[in-house]
């Protein structure tokens, strides 16, 4: 059995490789980005089984399948919220939520071993699964989104609803919620993960540093180099600039 790992975080890829070695599975190749994966698949024989992270450093791994016709079996290894994926638990080999439990990994491998002989190598069902998952992840009417966050303040916990959020920003390797009452709260997440957890009909990732909700936008000003500046009610610690490559999408989002 030939096996491949696609995972942008190299320590996580190596950890998964060690866990698979305990199950007597030899991983021949590890890839770390969409671009690298497309190039590899175009020039190499495709493996029997792929352990695939959804969100890679340069985009979603679904982009690989838009360029390359891959018929390998897939086991997803993802940090995505299980609510978006549980409907497809029985339609694919498996979805392992990070951090990956070794028992769950073993079950997924055994599931592959029992199911794969019954599959026609030319079967398109896997490709259909990718389309179904993509629809689930991008269609807001079929998603369950976070509407509150729990943050720790000293020895206490505080619940912050999305209605209270004026912006979300990253700073010094930390991610913070800034509320309308001009307070900052450190949360255990990243902007990349939050993009998948909140309803992006109401929020927009204006830059690598900021996510802003529509209701918090007080004013929009023309800024230098074809960019835009967003004025928020209370956040004044830094300028909230819509990056040039996101301006058109931002305008479309505004309607």
C-alpha atoms as a PDB file:
ATOM      1  CA  UNK A   1       0.000   0.000   0.000  1.00  0.00           C
ATOM      2  CA  UNK A   2       1.417   3.380  -1.011  1.00  0.00           C
ATOM      3  CA  UNK A   3       0.623   6.246   1.347  1.00  0.00           C
ATOM      4  CA  UNK A   4       0.980  10.025   1.158  1.00  0.00           C
ATOM      5  CA  UNK A   5       0.536  12.796   3.741  1.00  0.00           C
ATOM      6  CA  UNK A   6      -0.461  16.329   2.691  1.00  0.00           C
ATOM      7  CA  UNK A   7      -0.089  18.638   5.690  1.00  0.00           C
ATOM      8  CA  UNK A   8       1.312  22.189   5.785  1.00  0.00           C
ATOM      9  CA  UNK A   9       2.583  21.947   9.369  1.00  0.00           C
ATOM     10  CA  UNK A  10       5.722  19.806   9.147  1.00  0.00           C
ATOM     11  CA  UNK A  11       5.788  18.816  12.857  1.00  0.00           C
ATOM     12  CA  UNK A  12       2.168  17.632  12.541  1.00  0.00           C
ATOM     13  CA  UNK A  13       3.062  15.680   9.394  1.00  0.00           C
ATOM     14  CA  UNK A  14       5.980  13.972  11.130  1.00  0.00           C
ATOM     15  CA  UNK A  15       3.826  13.160  14.163  1.00  0.00           C
ATOM     16  CA  UNK A  16       1.192  11.564  11.929  1.00  0.00           C
ATOM     17  CA  UNK A  17       3.914   9.629  10.121  1.00  0.00           C
ATOM     18  CA  UNK A  18       5.160   8.191  13.437  1.00  0.00           C
ATOM     19  CA  UNK A  19       1.627   7.208  14.433  1.00  0.00           C
ATOM     20  CA  UNK A  20       1.147   5.448  11.103  1.00  0.00           C
ATOM     21  CA  UNK A  21       4.450   3.606  11.490  1.00  0.00           C
ATOM     22  CA  UNK A  22       3.050   2.098  14.699  1.00  0.00           C
ATOM     23  CA  UNK A  23       0.268   0.683  12.502  1.00  0.00           C
ATOM     24  CA  UNK A  24       2.881  -0.749  10.080  1.00  0.00           C
ATOM     25  CA  UNK A  25       2.050   1.836   7.421  1.00  0.00           C
ATOM     26  CA  UNK A  26       4.999   3.314   5.586  1.00  0.00           C
ATOM     27  CA  UNK A  27       4.534   6.884   4.364  1.00  0.00           C
ATOM     28  CA  UNK A  28       6.463   7.323   1.128  1.00  0.00           C
ATOM     29  CA  UNK A  29       5.939  11.062   0.613  1.00  0.00           C
ATOM     30  CA  UNK A  30       4.928  14.163   2.571  1.00  0.00           C
ATOM     31  CA  UNK A  31       3.726  17.317   0.814  1.00  0.00           C
ATOM     32  CA  UNK A  32       3.045  20.685   2.426  1.00  0.00           C
ATOM     33  CA  UNK A  33       1.135  22.984   0.047  1.00  0.00           C
ATOM     34  CA  UNK A  34      -1.416  23.076  -2.755  1.00  0.00           C
ATOM     35  CA  UNK A  35       1.193  24.111  -5.323  1.00  0.00           C
ATOM     36  CA  UNK A  36       3.673  21.428  -4.284  1.00  0.00           C
ATOM     37  CA  UNK A  37       0.936  18.774  -4.324  1.00  0.00           C
ATOM     38  CA  UNK A  38      -0.308  19.698  -7.804  1.00  0.00           C
ATOM     39  CA  UNK A  39       3.228  19.483  -9.158  1.00  0.00           C
ATOM     40  CA  UNK A  40       3.854  16.138  -7.419  1.00  0.00           C
ATOM     41  CA  UNK A  41       0.635  14.502  -8.645  1.00  0.00           C
ATOM     42  CA  UNK A  42       1.305  15.686 -12.185  1.00  0.00           C
ATOM     43  CA  UNK A  43       4.648  13.899 -12.229  1.00  0.00           C
ATOM     44  CA  UNK A  44       4.230  10.826 -10.024  1.00  0.00           C
ATOM     45  CA  UNK A  45       2.096   7.723  -9.751  1.00  0.00           C
ATOM     46  CA  UNK A  46      -0.776   8.402  -7.388  1.00  0.00           C
ATOM     47  CA  UNK A  47      -0.780   6.558  -4.032  1.00  0.00           C
ATOM     48  CA  UNK A  48      -3.408   4.165  -2.722  1.00  0.00           C
ATOM     49  CA  UNK A  49      -4.195   6.312   0.322  1.00  0.00           C
ATOM     50  CA  UNK A  50      -3.827  10.028   1.120  1.00  0.00           C
ATOM     51  CA  UNK A  51      -3.991  11.607   4.574  1.00  0.00           C
ATOM     52  CA  UNK A  52      -5.161  15.086   3.680  1.00  0.00           C
ATOM     53  CA  UNK A  53      -5.409  18.320   5.645  1.00  0.00           C
ATOM     54  CA  UNK A  54      -8.106  20.654   4.305  1.00  0.00           C
ATOM     55  CA  UNK A  55      -6.533  24.033   4.942  1.00  0.00           C
ATOM     56  CA  UNK A  56      -2.978  24.335   3.633  1.00  0.00           C
ATOM     57  CA  UNK A  57      -0.620  27.291   3.760  1.00  0.00           C
ATOM     58  CA  UNK A  58      -1.513  28.469   0.243  1.00  0.00           C
ATOM     59  CA  UNK A  59      -5.197  27.566   0.060  1.00  0.00           C
ATOM     60  CA  UNK A  60      -7.758  24.781   0.510  1.00  0.00           C
ATOM     61  CA  UNK A  61      -6.670  21.325  -0.575  1.00  0.00           C
ATOM     62  CA  UNK A  62      -9.780  21.073  -2.761  1.00  0.00           C
ATOM     63  CA  UNK A  63      -7.849  23.199  -5.255  1.00  0.00           C
ATOM     64  CA  UNK A  64      -5.630  20.174  -5.906  1.00  0.00           C
ATOM     65  CA  UNK A  65      -8.594  18.197  -7.209  1.00  0.00           C
ATOM     66  CA  UNK A  66      -9.617  21.037  -9.504  1.00  0.00           C
ATOM     67  CA  UNK A  67      -6.290  20.622 -11.322  1.00  0.00           C
ATOM     68  CA  UNK A  68      -5.610  16.896 -10.987  1.00  0.00           C
ATOM     69  CA  UNK A  69      -7.930  13.906 -11.405  1.00  0.00           C
ATOM     70  CA  UNK A  70      -7.076  11.929  -8.267  1.00  0.00           C
ATOM     71  CA  UNK A  71      -8.692   8.583  -7.554  1.00  0.00           C
ATOM     72  CA  UNK A  72      -6.749   7.748  -4.378  1.00  0.00           C
ATOM     73  CA  UNK A  73      -8.681   7.003  -1.205  1.00  0.00           C
ATOM     74  CA  UNK A  74      -8.749   9.947   1.202  1.00  0.00           C
ATOM     75  CA  UNK A  75      -8.676  10.180   4.986  1.00  0.00           C
ATOM     76  CA  UNK A  76      -9.095  13.808   6.018  1.00  0.00           C
ATOM     77  CA  UNK A  77      -7.018  15.103   8.929  1.00  0.00           C
ATOM     78  CA  UNK A  78      -8.539  18.428   9.756  1.00  0.00           C
ATOM     79  CA  UNK A  79      -9.156  21.049  12.413  1.00  0.00           C
ATOM     80  CA  UNK A  80     -12.535  21.897  10.852  1.00  0.00           C
ATOM     81  CA  UNK A  81     -15.566  21.897  13.089  1.00  0.00           C
ATOM     82  CA  UNK A  82     -17.141  18.439  13.111  1.00  0.00           C
ATOM     83  CA  UNK A  83     -20.618  19.897  12.596  1.00  0.00           C
ATOM     84  CA  UNK A  84     -19.703  20.716   9.002  1.00  0.00           C
ATOM     85  CA  UNK A  85     -18.393  17.234   8.353  1.00  0.00           C
ATOM     86  CA  UNK A  86     -20.418  14.742  10.356  1.00  0.00           C
ATOM     87  CA  UNK A  87     -23.045  14.418   7.607  1.00  0.00           C
ATOM     88  CA  UNK A  88     -20.355  12.885   5.435  1.00  0.00           C
ATOM     89  CA  UNK A  89     -18.842  10.558   8.017  1.00  0.00           C
ATOM     90  CA  UNK A  90     -20.278   7.517   6.263  1.00  0.00           C
ATOM     91  CA  UNK A  91     -19.639   8.670   2.697  1.00  0.00           C
ATOM     92  CA  UNK A  92     -15.837   8.748   2.777  1.00  0.00           C
ATOM     93  CA  UNK A  93     -13.092   6.673   4.361  1.00  0.00           C
ATOM     94  CA  UNK A  94     -12.971   8.917   7.453  1.00  0.00           C
ATOM     95  CA  UNK A  95     -12.433  12.421   8.860  1.00  0.00           C
ATOM     96  CA  UNK A  96     -10.013  12.711  11.742  1.00  0.00           C
ATOM     97  CA  UNK A  97     -10.263  15.872  13.791  1.00  0.00           C
ATOM     98  CA  UNK A  98      -7.035  17.297  15.166  1.00  0.00           C
ATOM     99  CA  UNK A  99      -5.402  16.484  17.501  1.00  0.00           C
ATOM    100  CA  UNK A 100      -5.583  13.014  15.994  1.00  0.00           C
ATOM    101  CA  UNK A 101      -6.367  10.258  18.453  1.00  0.00           C
ATOM    102  CA  UNK A 102      -4.353   7.084  17.814  1.00  0.00           C
ATOM    103  CA  UNK A 103      -7.367   4.832  18.339  1.00  0.00           C
ATOM    104  CA  UNK A 104      -9.392   6.861  15.824  1.00  0.00           C
ATOM    105  CA  UNK A 105      -6.489   6.668  13.389  1.00  0.00           C
ATOM    106  CA  UNK A 106      -6.348   2.901  13.703  1.00  0.00           C
ATOM    107  CA  UNK A 107     -10.102   2.633  13.118  1.00  0.00           C
ATOM    108  CA  UNK A 108      -9.818   4.823  10.009  1.00  0.00           C
ATOM    109  CA  UNK A 109      -7.000   2.689   8.590  1.00  0.00           C
ATOM    110  CA  UNK A 110      -8.954  -0.506   9.223  1.00  0.00           C
ATOM    111  CA  UNK A 111     -11.995   1.056   7.582  1.00  0.00           C
ATOM    112  CA  UNK A 112      -9.857   1.779   4.525  1.00  0.00           C
ATOM    113  CA  UNK A 113      -8.523  -1.776   4.433  1.00  0.00           C
ATOM    114  CA  UNK A 114     -12.003  -3.286   4.545  1.00  0.00           C
ATOM    115  CA  UNK A 115     -13.625  -0.893   2.068  1.00  0.00           C
ATOM    116  CA  UNK A 116     -11.013  -0.241  -0.563  1.00  0.00           C
ATOM    117  CA  UNK A 117     -11.058  -3.702  -2.192  1.00  0.00           C
ATOM    118  CA  UNK A 118     -14.755  -3.182  -2.936  1.00  0.00           C
ATOM    119  CA  UNK A 119     -14.160   0.097  -4.747  1.00  0.00           C
ATOM    120  CA  UNK A 120     -13.696   0.364  -8.458  1.00  0.00           C
ATOM    121  CA  UNK A 121     -10.405   2.207  -9.115  1.00  0.00           C
ATOM    122  CA  UNK A 122     -12.208   4.185 -11.778  1.00  0.00           C
ATOM    123  CA  UNK A 123     -15.059   5.097  -9.476  1.00  0.00           C
ATOM    124  CA  UNK A 124     -15.911   8.818  -9.307  1.00  0.00           C
ATOM    125  CA  UNK A 125     -17.563   8.649  -5.875  1.00  0.00           C
ATOM    126  CA  UNK A 126     -14.581  10.202  -4.156  1.00  0.00           C
ATOM    127  CA  UNK A 127     -14.735  13.161  -6.488  1.00  0.00           C
ATOM    128  CA  UNK A 128     -18.418  13.545  -5.672  1.00  0.00           C
ATOM    129  CA  UNK A 129     -17.550  13.574  -1.987  1.00  0.00           C
ATOM    130  CA  UNK A 130     -15.146  16.461  -2.553  1.00  0.00           C
ATOM    131  CA  UNK A 131     -17.903  18.453  -4.267  1.00  0.00           C
ATOM    132  CA  UNK A 132     -20.370  17.680  -1.484  1.00  0.00           C
ATOM    133  CA  UNK A 133     -17.893  18.735   1.187  1.00  0.00           C
ATOM    134  CA  UNK A 134     -17.010  21.906  -0.697  1.00  0.00           C
ATOM    135  CA  UNK A 135     -20.711  22.787  -0.897  1.00  0.00           C
ATOM    136  CA  UNK A 136     -21.135  22.117   2.814  1.00  0.00           C
ATOM    137  CA  UNK A 137     -18.175  24.300   3.703  1.00  0.00           C
ATOM    138  CA  UNK A 138     -19.202  27.219   1.520  1.00  0.00           C
ATOM    139  CA  UNK A 139     -22.982  27.205   1.715  1.00  0.00           C
ATOM    140  CA  UNK A 140     -24.032  29.202   4.785  1.00  0.00           C
ATOM    141  CA  UNK A 141     -27.490  27.634   4.818  1.00  0.00           C
ATOM    142  CA  UNK A 142     -25.965  24.194   5.444  1.00  0.00           C
ATOM    143  CA  UNK A 143     -23.434  25.270   8.060  1.00  0.00           C
ATOM    144  CA  UNK A 144     -23.576  25.671  11.794  1.00  0.00           C
ATOM    145  CA  UNK A 145     -21.588  28.773  12.780  1.00  0.00           C
ATOM    146  CA  UNK A 146     -20.224  29.913  16.102  1.00  0.00           C
ATOM    147  CA  UNK A 147     -22.315  32.639  17.678  1.00  0.00           C
ATOM    148  CA  UNK A 148     -20.362  32.970  20.925  1.00  0.00           C
ATOM    149  CA  UNK A 149     -16.859  32.556  22.307  1.00  0.00           C
ATOM    150  CA  UNK A 150     -15.732  31.707  25.816  1.00  0.00           C
ATOM    151  CA  UNK A 151     -12.666  33.609  27.041  1.00  0.00           C
ATOM    152  CA  UNK A 152     -10.732  33.307  30.293  1.00  0.00           C
ATOM    153  CA  UNK A 153     -10.240  36.394  32.446  1.00  0.00           C
ATOM    154  CA  UNK A 154      -8.127  35.524  35.458  1.00  0.00           C
ATOM    155  CA  UNK A 155     -10.022  32.788  37.272  1.00  0.00           C
ATOM    156  CA  UNK A 156     -13.283  33.585  35.505  1.00  0.00           C
ATOM    157  CA  UNK A 157     -14.864  32.721  32.168  1.00  0.00           C
ATOM    158  CA  UNK A 158     -16.729  35.238  30.043  1.00  0.00           C
ATOM    159  CA  UNK A 159     -19.020  34.521  27.106  1.00  0.00           C
ATOM    160  CA  UNK A 160     -18.807  36.948  24.192  1.00  0.00           C
ATOM    161  CA  UNK A 161     -21.427  36.751  21.456  1.00  0.00           C
ATOM    162  CA  UNK A 162     -20.681  37.588  17.840  1.00  0.00           C
ATOM    163  CA  UNK A 163     -23.051  40.533  18.211  1.00  0.00           C
ATOM    164  CA  UNK A 164     -20.572  42.100  20.654  1.00  0.00           C
ATOM    165  CA  UNK A 165     -17.562  41.802  18.330  1.00  0.00           C
ATOM    166  CA  UNK A 166     -16.262  44.992  16.734  1.00  0.00           C
ATOM    167  CA  UNK A 167     -13.272  43.259  15.146  1.00  0.00           C
ATOM    168  CA  UNK A 168     -10.941  40.304  15.508  1.00  0.00           C
ATOM    169  CA  UNK A 169      -7.223  40.916  15.112  1.00  0.00           C
ATOM    170  CA  UNK A 170      -3.870  39.200  15.443  1.00  0.00           C
ATOM    171  CA  UNK A 171      -0.924  40.724  17.267  1.00  0.00           C
ATOM    172  CA  UNK A 172       2.368  39.301  18.547  1.00  0.00           C
ATOM    173  CA  UNK A 173       1.308  35.744  17.616  1.00  0.00           C
ATOM    174  CA  UNK A 174      -1.927  36.134  19.583  1.00  0.00           C
ATOM    175  CA  UNK A 175      -5.531  36.477  18.387  1.00  0.00           C
ATOM    176  CA  UNK A 176      -7.866  38.952  20.070  1.00  0.00           C
ATOM    177  CA  UNK A 177     -11.546  39.815  20.034  1.00  0.00           C
ATOM    178  CA  UNK A 178     -12.202  43.559  20.338  1.00  0.00           C
ATOM    179  CA  UNK A 179     -15.703  44.348  21.543  1.00  0.00           C
ATOM    180  CA  UNK A 180     -17.897  47.407  21.098  1.00  0.00           C
ATOM    181  CA  UNK A 181     -17.235  48.402  24.712  1.00  0.00           C
ATOM    182  CA  UNK A 182     -13.560  48.907  23.744  1.00  0.00           C
ATOM    183  CA  UNK A 183     -12.100  45.812  25.411  1.00  0.00           C
ATOM    184  CA  UNK A 184      -9.665  43.215  24.056  1.00  0.00           C
ATOM    185  CA  UNK A 185      -9.899  39.494  24.868  1.00  0.00           C
ATOM    186  CA  UNK A 186      -7.250  36.917  23.986  1.00  0.00           C
ATOM    187  CA  UNK A 187      -8.690  33.759  22.408  1.00  0.00           C
ATOM    188  CA  UNK A 188      -7.132  30.406  21.667  1.00  0.00           C
ATOM    189  CA  UNK A 189      -7.539  30.385  17.900  1.00  0.00           C
ATOM    190  CA  UNK A 190      -6.215  31.882  14.665  1.00  0.00           C
ATOM    191  CA  UNK A 191      -7.808  34.106  12.052  1.00  0.00           C
ATOM    192  CA  UNK A 192      -7.590  31.221   9.578  1.00  0.00           C
ATOM    193  CA  UNK A 193      -9.646  28.966  11.834  1.00  0.00           C
ATOM    194  CA  UNK A 194     -12.086  31.747  12.705  1.00  0.00           C
ATOM    195  CA  UNK A 195     -12.763  32.321   9.012  1.00  0.00           C
ATOM    196  CA  UNK A 196     -14.280  28.836   9.011  1.00  0.00           C
ATOM    197  CA  UNK A 197     -16.136  29.218  12.306  1.00  0.00           C
ATOM    198  CA  UNK A 198     -18.000  32.523  11.907  1.00  0.00           C
ATOM    199  CA  UNK A 199     -20.568  33.354   9.259  1.00  0.00           C
ATOM    200  CA  UNK A 200     -18.613  35.153   6.551  1.00  0.00           C
ATOM    201  CA  UNK A 201     -21.805  36.724   5.258  1.00  0.00           C
ATOM    202  CA  UNK A 202     -21.504  38.984   8.278  1.00  0.00           C
ATOM    203  CA  UNK A 203     -17.702  39.046   8.702  1.00  0.00           C
ATOM    204  CA  UNK A 204     -14.886  39.805   6.255  1.00  0.00           C
ATOM    205  CA  UNK A 205     -11.146  39.112   6.411  1.00  0.00           C
ATOM    206  CA  UNK A 206      -9.908  42.527   5.259  1.00  0.00           C
ATOM    207  CA  UNK A 207      -6.222  41.675   5.678  1.00  0.00           C
ATOM    208  CA  UNK A 208      -3.880  39.151   7.229  1.00  0.00           C
ATOM    209  CA  UNK A 209      -4.396  40.931  10.548  1.00  0.00           C
ATOM    210  CA  UNK A 210      -8.112  41.812  10.734  1.00  0.00           C
ATOM    211  CA  UNK A 211     -11.564  40.290  10.451  1.00  0.00           C
ATOM    212  CA  UNK A 212     -14.386  42.825  10.752  1.00  0.00           C
ATOM    213  CA  UNK A 213     -18.174  42.428  10.987  1.00  0.00           C
ATOM    214  CA  UNK A 214     -20.415  44.421   8.679  1.00  0.00           C
ATOM    215  CA  UNK A 215     -22.329  45.994  11.572  1.00  0.00           C
ATOM    216  CA  UNK A 216     -19.111  47.495  13.013  1.00  0.00           C
ATOM    217  CA  UNK A 217     -18.099  49.446   9.905  1.00  0.00           C
ATOM    218  CA  UNK A 218     -18.643  53.119  10.700  1.00  0.00           C
ATOM    219  CA  UNK A 219     -16.941  54.602   7.654  1.00  0.00           C
ATOM    220  CA  UNK A 220     -14.820  53.550   4.656  1.00  0.00           C
ATOM    221  CA  UNK A 221     -12.126  55.845   3.303  1.00  0.00           C
ATOM    222  CA  UNK A 222      -9.976  55.704   0.176  1.00  0.00           C
ATOM    223  CA  UNK A 223      -6.410  54.888   1.193  1.00  0.00           C
ATOM    224  CA  UNK A 224      -3.061  54.819  -0.615  1.00  0.00           C
ATOM    225  CA  UNK A 225      -2.116  52.250  -3.296  1.00  0.00           C
ATOM    226  CA  UNK A 226      -5.724  51.440  -4.236  1.00  0.00           C
ATOM    227  CA  UNK A 227      -6.532  50.276  -0.717  1.00  0.00           C
ATOM    228  CA  UNK A 228      -9.385  51.150   1.618  1.00  0.00           C
ATOM    229  CA  UNK A 229      -9.391  52.166   5.272  1.00  0.00           C
ATOM    230  CA  UNK A 230     -12.150  50.946   7.582  1.00  0.00           C
ATOM    231  CA  UNK A 231     -13.165  53.155  10.504  1.00  0.00           C
ATOM    232  CA  UNK A 232     -14.552  51.290  13.522  1.00  0.00           C
ATOM    233  CA  UNK A 233     -16.437  52.807  16.480  1.00  0.00           C
ATOM    234  CA  UNK A 234     -13.858  52.230  19.221  1.00  0.00           C
ATOM    235  CA  UNK A 235     -10.818  50.325  17.916  1.00  0.00           C
ATOM    236  CA  UNK A 236      -7.976  52.860  17.554  1.00  0.00           C
ATOM    237  CA  UNK A 237      -4.843  50.790  18.268  1.00  0.00           C
ATOM    238  CA  UNK A 238      -3.986  50.376  14.595  1.00  0.00           C
ATOM    239  CA  UNK A 239      -5.320  51.288  11.165  1.00  0.00           C
ATOM    240  CA  UNK A 240      -7.720  48.733   9.708  1.00  0.00           C
ATOM    241  CA  UNK A 241      -6.720  48.597   6.046  1.00  0.00           C
ATOM    242  CA  UNK A 242      -8.325  46.470   3.351  1.00  0.00           C
ATOM    243  CA  UNK A 243      -5.377  44.936   1.505  1.00  0.00           C
ATOM    244  CA  UNK A 244      -5.215  45.723  -2.192  1.00  0.00           C
ATOM    245  CA  UNK A 245      -5.839  42.147  -3.332  1.00  0.00           C
ATOM    246  CA  UNK A 246      -9.015  41.983  -1.183  1.00  0.00           C
ATOM    247  CA  UNK A 247     -10.559  45.309  -2.166  1.00  0.00           C
ATOM    248  CA  UNK A 248     -12.761  43.987  -4.965  1.00  0.00           C
ATOM    249  CA  UNK A 249     -14.017  41.057  -2.888  1.00  0.00           C
ATOM    250  CA  UNK A 250     -14.663  43.484  -0.043  1.00  0.00           C
ATOM    251  CA  UNK A 251     -16.749  45.710  -2.323  1.00  0.00           C
ATOM    252  CA  UNK A 252     -18.693  42.679  -3.541  1.00  0.00           C
ATOM    253  CA  UNK A 253     -19.267  41.592   0.064  1.00  0.00           C
ATOM    254  CA  UNK A 254     -20.603  45.029   0.928  1.00  0.00           C
ATOM    255  CA  UNK A 255     -23.067  44.638  -1.916  1.00  0.00           C
END
